[in-house]
């Protein structure tokens, strides 16, 4: 898939996100399913420099900072441009690489806060992550933070991160966030290697005091191309398991690049007797429609603009282009927001506007971001009897 990537722009970053047939639920908040005015979230890959060597890194992070990163002044101009979307402004996630490698990070966060832009932080668990730095960033305006845990033990987690001791640093950092009153989200990678460990990871999550557990279903980009995704059948079972957990979990549960969880949740809630308004008001309902390029925008460290950190289709550069115009008018963004253009099973699916599938995974597997998400096994009624693959197994065959 890297053959279609702009040579000067490389998306990366950390997973994050917002989350009856379509006819019933879709009548409640139709304006919420297509985010034409502005994205909900802008991910800014402030640097590709990082002290870790994660096996799945989409940014393919390196030890040193790149010479063509946006400067502090260019960062100010980017934040000014984001206010051009109008209020409410998108929320900015400072990510990387490791954003802590930027000595001007506090200055940039202060600048976002001064402009009325909400800010979150997605740092790496390295010696640069300290209580002093976290207090300074919270004082600058950081409102929430995310950390990653990809295993329930040091051996499992550190094996993914490539640096011994990362597991313990992450748990200490979680304690620090509680001490300074900074809400914490934990991200977990879903691959064939982590799947069996998820119950133990969930048990760990219940003990460290988080507000949200975000499960990122692997996209084969960057170093992650060397890892293996779970199968569509495993993904379906996992989504049902997650829905069951969400009933009693002491924190919110969401999926990233697995929007078909919404279909599973809708059907389960309908079976439980919830009506369309009640479904739309749930946490999963509030995320209806959010996906790559629809509510999401990614700015690479060198200013290139992508629909998400996992979809390497550059649309322009903030150094020369207006980010508002790119998001609202560029054919890549408008195409991703038009569910009527989806192909295959996604194009025939009654959940297309609410779910829409992972456009990044469709691109990774087929080279076309409008194709079906091969991780979803659902065959919609309109597709039955037609020569449309039912899942990734048929694509691989």
Protein backbone atom coordinates (compact mmCIF):
# COMPACT_ATOMS: atom_id res chain seq x y z
CA UNK A 1 0.00 0.00 0.00
CA UNK A 2 2.94 2.34 0.47
CA UNK A 3 3.25 2.64 -3.28
CA UNK A 4 0.36 5.13 -3.25
CA UNK A 5 1.78 7.19 -0.41
CA UNK A 6 3.10 10.66 -1.13
CA UNK A 7 6.91 10.49 -0.87
CA UNK A 8 7.02 13.48 1.45
CA UNK A 9 4.12 12.55 3.70
CA UNK A 10 3.79 9.61 6.07
CA UNK A 11 0.78 9.22 8.32
CA UNK A 12 1.21 7.72 11.74
CA UNK A 13 0.05 8.45 15.26
CA UNK A 14 -1.86 6.79 18.01
CA UNK A 15 -5.34 5.31 18.00
CA UNK A 16 -8.02 7.51 19.40
CA UNK A 17 -11.56 8.30 18.52
CA UNK A 18 -14.92 9.68 19.56
CA UNK A 19 -18.27 5.89 18.90
CA UNK A 20 -33.43 -0.92 14.24
CA UNK A 21 -31.74 -0.85 11.02
CA UNK A 22 -30.35 2.34 9.60
CA UNK A 23 -33.79 3.62 8.70
CA UNK A 24 -34.95 3.69 12.30
CA UNK A 25 -31.86 4.93 14.09
CA UNK A 26 -30.82 7.13 11.19
CA UNK A 27 -33.90 9.29 11.58
CA UNK A 28 -32.86 10.55 15.01
CA UNK A 29 -29.73 12.59 14.25
CA UNK A 30 -29.04 12.59 10.51
CA UNK A 31 -26.78 15.64 10.83
CA UNK A 32 -24.46 13.64 13.08
CA UNK A 33 -23.55 11.00 10.52
CA UNK A 34 -21.78 13.21 7.99
CA UNK A 35 -19.27 15.64 9.45
CA UNK A 36 -19.05 18.05 6.53
CA UNK A 37 -18.47 21.28 8.50
CA UNK A 38 -15.54 20.19 10.66
CA UNK A 39 -13.82 17.12 12.08
CA UNK A 40 -14.39 16.22 15.69
CA UNK A 41 -10.72 15.36 16.14
CA UNK A 42 -7.50 16.64 14.60
CA UNK A 43 -4.50 14.42 15.25
CA UNK A 44 -1.24 16.32 15.01
CA UNK A 45 1.81 14.11 14.64
CA UNK A 46 4.15 16.68 16.15
CA UNK A 47 7.24 14.53 15.50
CA UNK A 48 8.22 11.05 14.35
CA UNK A 49 11.00 10.92 16.94
CA UNK A 50 10.49 8.32 19.66
CA UNK A 51 12.58 6.31 22.12
CA UNK A 52 10.61 3.12 21.55
CA UNK A 53 10.75 0.62 18.68
CA UNK A 54 7.14 -0.59 18.57
CA UNK A 55 6.48 -3.49 16.21
CA UNK A 56 3.23 -1.96 14.98
CA UNK A 57 4.26 1.72 14.71
CA UNK A 58 2.35 3.39 11.89
CA UNK A 59 4.69 6.39 12.02
CA UNK A 60 7.78 4.17 11.67
CA UNK A 61 9.27 6.37 14.36
CA UNK A 62 12.99 7.12 14.47
CA UNK A 63 15.31 8.25 17.30
CA UNK A 64 16.02 11.73 15.93
CA UNK A 65 13.61 14.51 15.00
CA UNK A 66 13.15 15.08 11.28
CA UNK A 67 14.48 18.36 9.88
CA UNK A 68 11.22 19.16 8.07
CA UNK A 69 8.90 19.06 11.09
CA UNK A 70 6.53 21.98 11.48
CA UNK A 71 8.27 24.70 13.47
CA UNK A 72 6.79 26.37 16.51
CA UNK A 73 5.60 29.31 14.41
CA UNK A 74 4.13 26.97 11.81
CA UNK A 75 2.39 25.18 14.65
CA UNK A 76 0.83 28.47 15.73
CA UNK A 77 -0.39 29.01 12.17
CA UNK A 78 -1.85 25.50 12.09
CA UNK A 79 -3.80 26.22 15.27
CA UNK A 80 -5.00 29.51 13.81
CA UNK A 81 -6.15 27.63 10.71
CA UNK A 82 -8.06 25.11 12.85
CA UNK A 83 -10.10 27.94 14.35
CA UNK A 84 -11.23 28.60 10.77
CA UNK A 85 -13.61 25.65 11.13
CA UNK A 86 -15.65 27.79 13.50
CA UNK A 87 -17.03 26.89 16.89
CA UNK A 88 -17.19 24.35 18.28
CA UNK A 89 -13.57 23.86 17.26
CA UNK A 90 -12.17 20.39 16.63
CA UNK A 91 -10.30 18.82 19.53
CA UNK A 92 -6.54 18.46 18.89
CA UNK A 93 -4.64 15.34 19.92
CA UNK A 94 -0.89 15.95 20.21
CA UNK A 95 0.65 12.68 19.11
CA UNK A 96 3.73 11.28 17.37
CA UNK A 97 6.20 9.46 17.47
CA UNK A 98 6.52 10.83 20.95
CA UNK A 99 5.30 14.42 21.31
CA UNK A 100 7.41 14.72 24.47
CA UNK A 101 10.42 14.87 22.15
CA UNK A 102 9.28 18.39 21.20
CA UNK A 103 10.77 20.91 23.67
CA UNK A 104 8.10 23.41 22.60
CA UNK A 105 5.20 21.05 23.36
CA UNK A 106 3.99 23.03 26.37
CA UNK A 107 4.12 26.21 24.29
CA UNK A 108 2.03 24.61 21.56
CA UNK A 109 -0.52 23.30 24.05
CA UNK A 110 -0.76 26.73 25.66
CA UNK A 111 -1.34 28.23 22.22
CA UNK A 112 -4.16 25.77 21.51
CA UNK A 113 -5.75 26.48 24.88
CA UNK A 114 -5.50 30.24 24.35
CA UNK A 115 -7.43 29.85 21.10
CA UNK A 116 -10.19 27.86 22.79
CA UNK A 117 -9.09 24.54 21.24
CA UNK A 118 -9.31 21.48 23.46
CA UNK A 119 -6.14 19.40 23.69
CA UNK A 120 -5.20 15.82 24.54
CA UNK A 121 -1.84 14.07 24.73
CA UNK A 122 -0.68 10.67 23.41
CA UNK A 123 2.90 10.26 24.70
CA UNK A 124 5.23 7.28 24.63
CA UNK A 125 6.13 5.51 27.87
CA UNK A 126 9.80 6.46 28.06
CA UNK A 127 12.02 8.15 30.69
CA UNK A 128 10.89 11.48 29.20
CA UNK A 129 7.41 10.84 30.63
CA UNK A 130 7.76 12.22 34.16
CA UNK A 131 5.42 13.66 36.80
CA UNK A 132 7.03 17.08 36.35
CA UNK A 133 6.39 17.07 32.60
CA UNK A 134 2.82 15.88 33.04
CA UNK A 135 2.07 18.64 35.56
CA UNK A 136 3.49 21.23 33.18
CA UNK A 137 1.39 19.91 30.30
CA UNK A 138 -1.75 19.82 32.42
CA UNK A 139 -1.08 23.41 33.45
CA UNK A 140 -0.66 24.29 29.76
CA UNK A 141 -4.12 22.92 29.02
CA UNK A 142 -3.96 19.18 28.33
CA UNK A 143 -7.38 17.81 29.24
CA UNK A 144 -6.95 14.04 28.79
CA UNK A 145 -4.11 11.64 28.07
CA UNK A 146 -3.76 8.21 26.49
CA UNK A 147 -1.27 5.44 27.15
CA UNK A 148 -0.88 2.08 25.44
CA UNK A 149 -0.94 -1.38 27.01
CA UNK A 150 -0.69 -4.29 24.58
CA UNK A 151 -0.18 -7.06 27.10
CA UNK A 152 -1.16 -8.01 30.64
CA UNK A 153 2.44 -8.75 31.64
CA UNK A 154 5.81 -7.05 31.12
CA UNK A 155 6.89 -9.84 28.80
CA UNK A 156 3.88 -9.47 26.53
CA UNK A 157 3.75 -5.67 26.45
CA UNK A 158 7.48 -5.01 26.24
CA UNK A 159 7.72 -7.55 23.43
CA UNK A 160 5.55 -5.24 21.31
CA UNK A 161 7.22 -2.01 22.40
CA UNK A 162 10.77 -3.20 21.79
CA UNK A 163 12.18 -1.72 25.02
CA UNK A 164 12.33 -3.57 28.38
CA UNK A 165 10.66 -1.78 31.27
CA UNK A 166 7.99 -0.05 29.19
CA UNK A 167 5.18 -1.94 30.98
CA UNK A 168 6.28 -0.66 34.39
CA UNK A 169 6.76 2.89 33.10
CA UNK A 170 3.22 2.81 31.73
CA UNK A 171 1.71 1.69 35.03
CA UNK A 172 3.66 4.35 36.93
CA UNK A 173 2.50 6.98 34.46
CA UNK A 174 -1.10 5.87 35.03
CA UNK A 175 -0.61 6.51 38.75
CA UNK A 176 0.80 9.97 38.01
CA UNK A 177 -2.25 10.91 35.95
CA UNK A 178 -4.47 10.10 38.92
CA UNK A 179 -2.27 12.12 41.28
CA UNK A 180 -2.60 15.26 39.12
CA UNK A 181 -6.22 14.70 38.13
CA UNK A 182 -5.65 14.00 34.44
CA UNK A 183 -8.25 11.62 32.91
CA UNK A 184 -6.63 8.61 31.25
CA UNK A 185 -7.53 6.48 28.23
CA UNK A 186 -5.67 3.23 27.55
CA UNK A 187 -5.21 1.93 24.01
CA UNK A 188 -4.73 -1.76 23.24
CA UNK A 189 -3.66 -3.23 19.91
CA UNK A 190 -5.74 -6.11 18.53
CA UNK A 191 -3.73 -8.69 16.59
CA UNK A 192 -3.68 -12.47 16.47
CA UNK A 193 -0.98 -12.26 19.17
CA UNK A 194 -2.92 -10.11 21.65
CA UNK A 195 -6.39 -11.62 21.18
CA UNK A 196 -6.12 -14.39 23.77
CA UNK A 197 -4.66 -11.98 26.33
CA UNK A 198 -7.58 -9.53 26.20
CA UNK A 199 -9.48 -10.91 29.24
CA UNK A 200 -6.34 -10.48 31.35
CA UNK A 201 -5.75 -6.99 29.92
CA UNK A 202 -9.35 -6.08 30.75
CA UNK A 203 -8.82 -7.27 34.32
CA UNK A 204 -5.74 -5.05 34.51
CA UNK A 205 -7.75 -2.10 33.15
CA UNK A 206 -10.27 -2.45 36.00
CA UNK A 207 -7.44 -1.94 38.50
CA UNK A 208 -5.67 1.14 37.14
CA UNK A 209 -8.52 3.67 37.02
CA UNK A 210 -9.18 4.71 33.43
CA UNK A 211 -12.04 6.56 31.76
CA UNK A 212 -11.90 4.67 28.46
CA UNK A 213 -10.45 1.49 26.98
CA UNK A 214 -9.88 1.89 23.24
CA UNK A 215 -9.16 -1.25 21.26
CA UNK A 216 -7.30 -0.57 18.04
CA UNK A 217 -7.85 -3.26 15.41
CA UNK A 218 -4.59 -3.49 13.47
CA UNK A 219 -4.26 -1.83 10.08
CA UNK A 220 -1.40 -3.13 7.94
CA UNK A 221 0.54 0.13 7.63
CA UNK A 222 4.06 1.07 8.69
CA UNK A 223 5.75 -1.57 10.82
CA UNK A 224 2.33 -3.07 11.48
CA UNK A 225 2.48 -4.66 8.04
CA UNK A 226 4.64 -7.38 9.59
CA UNK A 227 1.89 -8.32 12.09
CA UNK A 228 -1.24 -10.34 11.43
CA UNK A 229 -4.82 -9.12 11.86
CA UNK A 230 -7.43 -11.28 13.51
CA UNK A 231 -9.98 -12.96 11.23
CA UNK A 232 -13.47 -11.59 10.52
CA UNK A 233 -15.03 -14.39 12.58
CA UNK A 234 -12.73 -13.56 15.51
CA UNK A 235 -13.54 -9.88 15.12
CA UNK A 236 -17.28 -10.58 15.28
CA UNK A 237 -16.89 -12.69 18.41
CA UNK A 238 -14.69 -10.02 19.97
CA UNK A 239 -17.24 -7.30 19.27
CA UNK A 240 -19.96 -9.33 20.96
CA UNK A 241 -17.66 -9.93 23.94
CA UNK A 242 -16.90 -6.22 24.16
CA UNK A 243 -20.58 -5.34 24.08
CA UNK A 244 -21.17 -7.72 26.97
CA UNK A 245 -18.31 -6.16 28.93
CA UNK A 246 -19.66 -2.66 28.31
CA UNK A 247 -22.69 -3.46 30.48
CA UNK A 248 -20.69 -3.55 33.70
CA UNK A 249 -17.27 -2.11 32.88
CA UNK A 250 -16.21 0.78 35.16
CA UNK A 251 -15.06 2.70 32.07
CA UNK A 252 -16.18 3.31 28.51
CA UNK A 253 -15.17 0.78 25.84
CA UNK A 254 -14.63 1.79 22.21
CA UNK A 255 -13.11 0.35 19.08
CA UNK A 256 -10.82 2.06 16.59
CA UNK A 257 -10.82 0.98 12.92
CA UNK A 258 -13.56 -1.50 13.78
CA UNK A 259 -16.70 0.54 13.25
CA UNK A 260 -18.75 -2.62 12.64
CA UNK A 261 -18.90 -2.85 16.44
CA UNK A 262 -21.73 -0.33 16.02
CA UNK A 263 -23.77 -2.83 14.03
CA UNK A 264 -23.24 -5.48 16.70
CA UNK A 265 -24.20 -3.06 19.48
CA UNK A 266 -27.28 -1.80 17.64
CA UNK A 267 -28.59 -5.30 17.08
CA UNK A 268 -27.93 -6.31 20.66
CA UNK A 269 -29.66 -3.18 21.98
CA UNK A 270 -32.64 -3.73 19.69
CA UNK A 271 -32.93 -7.29 20.98
CA UNK A 272 -32.97 -5.85 24.50
CA UNK A 273 -35.90 -3.62 23.58
CA UNK A 274 -34.22 -0.21 23.24
CA UNK A 275 -35.90 2.18 20.83
CA UNK A 276 -34.15 4.36 18.26
CA UNK A 277 -33.83 7.41 20.51
CA UNK A 278 -32.37 5.38 23.36
CA UNK A 279 -29.84 3.73 21.02
CA UNK A 280 -28.75 7.06 19.53
CA UNK A 281 -28.21 8.45 23.05
CA UNK A 282 -25.80 5.67 24.10
CA UNK A 283 -22.00 6.17 23.98
CA UNK A 284 -21.82 4.07 20.82
CA UNK A 285 -24.69 6.04 19.35
CA UNK A 286 -22.90 9.32 19.93
CA UNK A 287 -20.10 8.02 17.73
CA UNK A 288 -22.32 7.08 14.79
CA UNK A 289 -20.67 7.90 11.49
CA UNK A 290 -17.22 8.83 12.84
CA UNK A 291 -14.53 7.19 10.71
CA UNK A 292 -11.47 8.01 8.59
CA UNK A 293 -12.04 11.39 6.93
CA UNK A 294 -15.53 11.77 8.43
CA UNK A 295 -14.99 13.51 11.74
CA UNK A 296 -11.28 12.64 11.69
CA UNK A 297 -8.32 14.57 10.20
CA UNK A 298 -4.60 13.87 10.57
CA UNK A 299 -1.68 16.31 10.17
CA UNK A 300 1.73 14.69 9.73
CA UNK A 301 4.86 16.07 11.32
CA UNK A 302 5.85 17.72 8.03
CA UNK A 303 2.44 19.28 7.49
CA UNK A 304 0.84 16.83 5.07
CA UNK A 305 -2.88 16.30 5.65
CA UNK A 306 -4.52 12.85 5.62
CA UNK A 307 -8.01 11.50 6.37
CA UNK A 308 -6.51 9.61 9.34
CA UNK A 309 -3.20 8.35 10.61
CA UNK A 310 -3.87 4.97 9.06
CA UNK A 311 -5.00 6.04 5.59
CA UNK A 312 -1.97 7.24 3.55
CA UNK A 313 -3.78 9.41 1.02
CA UNK A 314 -2.26 12.93 1.20
CA UNK A 315 -4.62 15.77 0.31
CA UNK A 316 -2.34 18.78 0.72
CA UNK A 317 0.00 20.44 3.18
CA UNK A 318 -0.78 23.01 5.87
CA UNK A 319 2.27 25.00 4.78
CA UNK A 320 0.62 25.80 1.47
CA UNK A 321 -3.06 24.83 1.77
CA UNK A 322 -5.98 25.86 3.94
CA UNK A 323 -6.84 22.94 6.21
CA UNK A 324 -10.52 23.92 6.29
CA UNK A 325 -10.76 23.89 2.50
CA UNK A 326 -8.93 20.56 2.30
CA UNK A 327 -11.29 18.92 4.77
CA UNK A 328 -14.48 20.38 3.32
CA UNK A 329 -13.72 20.23 -0.41
CA UNK A 330 -10.90 17.83 -1.30
CA UNK A 331 -12.24 14.84 -3.29
CA UNK A 332 -10.60 12.35 -0.93
CA UNK A 333 -12.47 13.76 2.07
CA UNK A 334 -15.78 14.33 0.31
CA UNK A 335 -15.63 10.84 -1.17
CA UNK A 336 -15.00 9.22 2.20
CA UNK A 337 -17.97 11.11 3.66
CA UNK A 338 -20.35 9.94 0.92
CA UNK A 339 -21.54 6.49 1.99
CA UNK A 340 -23.48 6.13 -1.27
CA UNK A 341 -20.12 5.73 -3.03
CA UNK A 342 -19.03 2.74 -0.95
CA UNK A 343 -18.59 -0.48 -2.88
CA UNK A 344 -19.18 -4.17 -2.29
CA UNK A 345 -20.85 -5.22 0.92
CA UNK A 346 -20.33 -1.81 2.54
CA UNK A 347 -22.12 -0.20 -0.39
CA UNK A 348 -25.08 -2.55 0.03
CA UNK A 349 -25.20 -2.35 3.83
CA UNK A 350 -28.05 -0.68 5.71
CA UNK A 351 -25.53 0.38 8.38
CA UNK A 352 -23.29 2.26 5.92
CA UNK A 353 -23.93 5.73 7.32
CA UNK A 354 -23.75 4.67 10.96
CA UNK A 355 -20.78 2.33 10.54
CA UNK A 356 -19.17 2.80 7.15
CA UNK A 357 -16.42 0.28 7.82
CA UNK A 358 -12.72 1.02 8.13
CA UNK A 359 -11.77 3.00 5.06
CA UNK A 360 -8.11 2.53 6.04
CA UNK A 361 -8.37 -1.26 6.09
CA UNK A 362 -10.26 -1.28 2.80
CA UNK A 363 -7.40 0.70 1.27
CA UNK A 364 -4.72 -1.46 2.86
CA UNK A 365 -6.23 -4.65 1.41
CA UNK A 366 -7.58 -3.44 -1.95
CA UNK A 367 -5.93 -0.11 -2.77
CA UNK A 368 -9.40 1.49 -2.84
CA UNK A 369 -10.63 3.35 0.27
CA UNK A 370 -14.24 3.03 -0.89
CA UNK A 371 -14.20 -0.78 -1.02
CA UNK A 372 -15.65 -3.05 1.67
CA UNK A 373 -13.94 -3.42 5.02
CA UNK A 374 -12.57 -6.98 4.79
CA UNK A 375 -12.65 -7.48 8.58
CA UNK A 376 -16.46 -7.30 8.72
CA UNK A 377 -18.18 -10.65 8.02
CA UNK A 378 -21.70 -9.22 7.74
CA UNK A 379 -23.46 -9.89 4.44
CA UNK A 380 -26.30 -7.36 4.13
CA UNK A 381 -29.61 -8.51 2.67
CA UNK A 382 -29.07 -6.40 -0.46
CA UNK A 383 -25.80 -8.25 -1.10
CA UNK A 384 -27.09 -11.78 -0.61
CA UNK A 385 -27.01 -13.84 -3.75
CA UNK A 386 -24.54 -11.47 -5.40
CA UNK A 387 -20.83 -12.08 -6.06
CA UNK A 388 -19.66 -9.95 -3.14
CA UNK A 389 -17.00 -11.36 -0.77
CA UNK A 390 -18.26 -12.11 2.74
CA UNK A 391 -15.00 -11.33 4.48
CA UNK A 392 -11.25 -11.24 4.23
CA UNK A 393 -10.97 -15.01 3.84
CA UNK A 394 -12.36 -14.69 0.30
CA UNK A 395 -9.97 -11.85 -0.52
CA UNK A 396 -7.02 -13.92 0.68
CA UNK A 397 -8.23 -16.93 -1.31
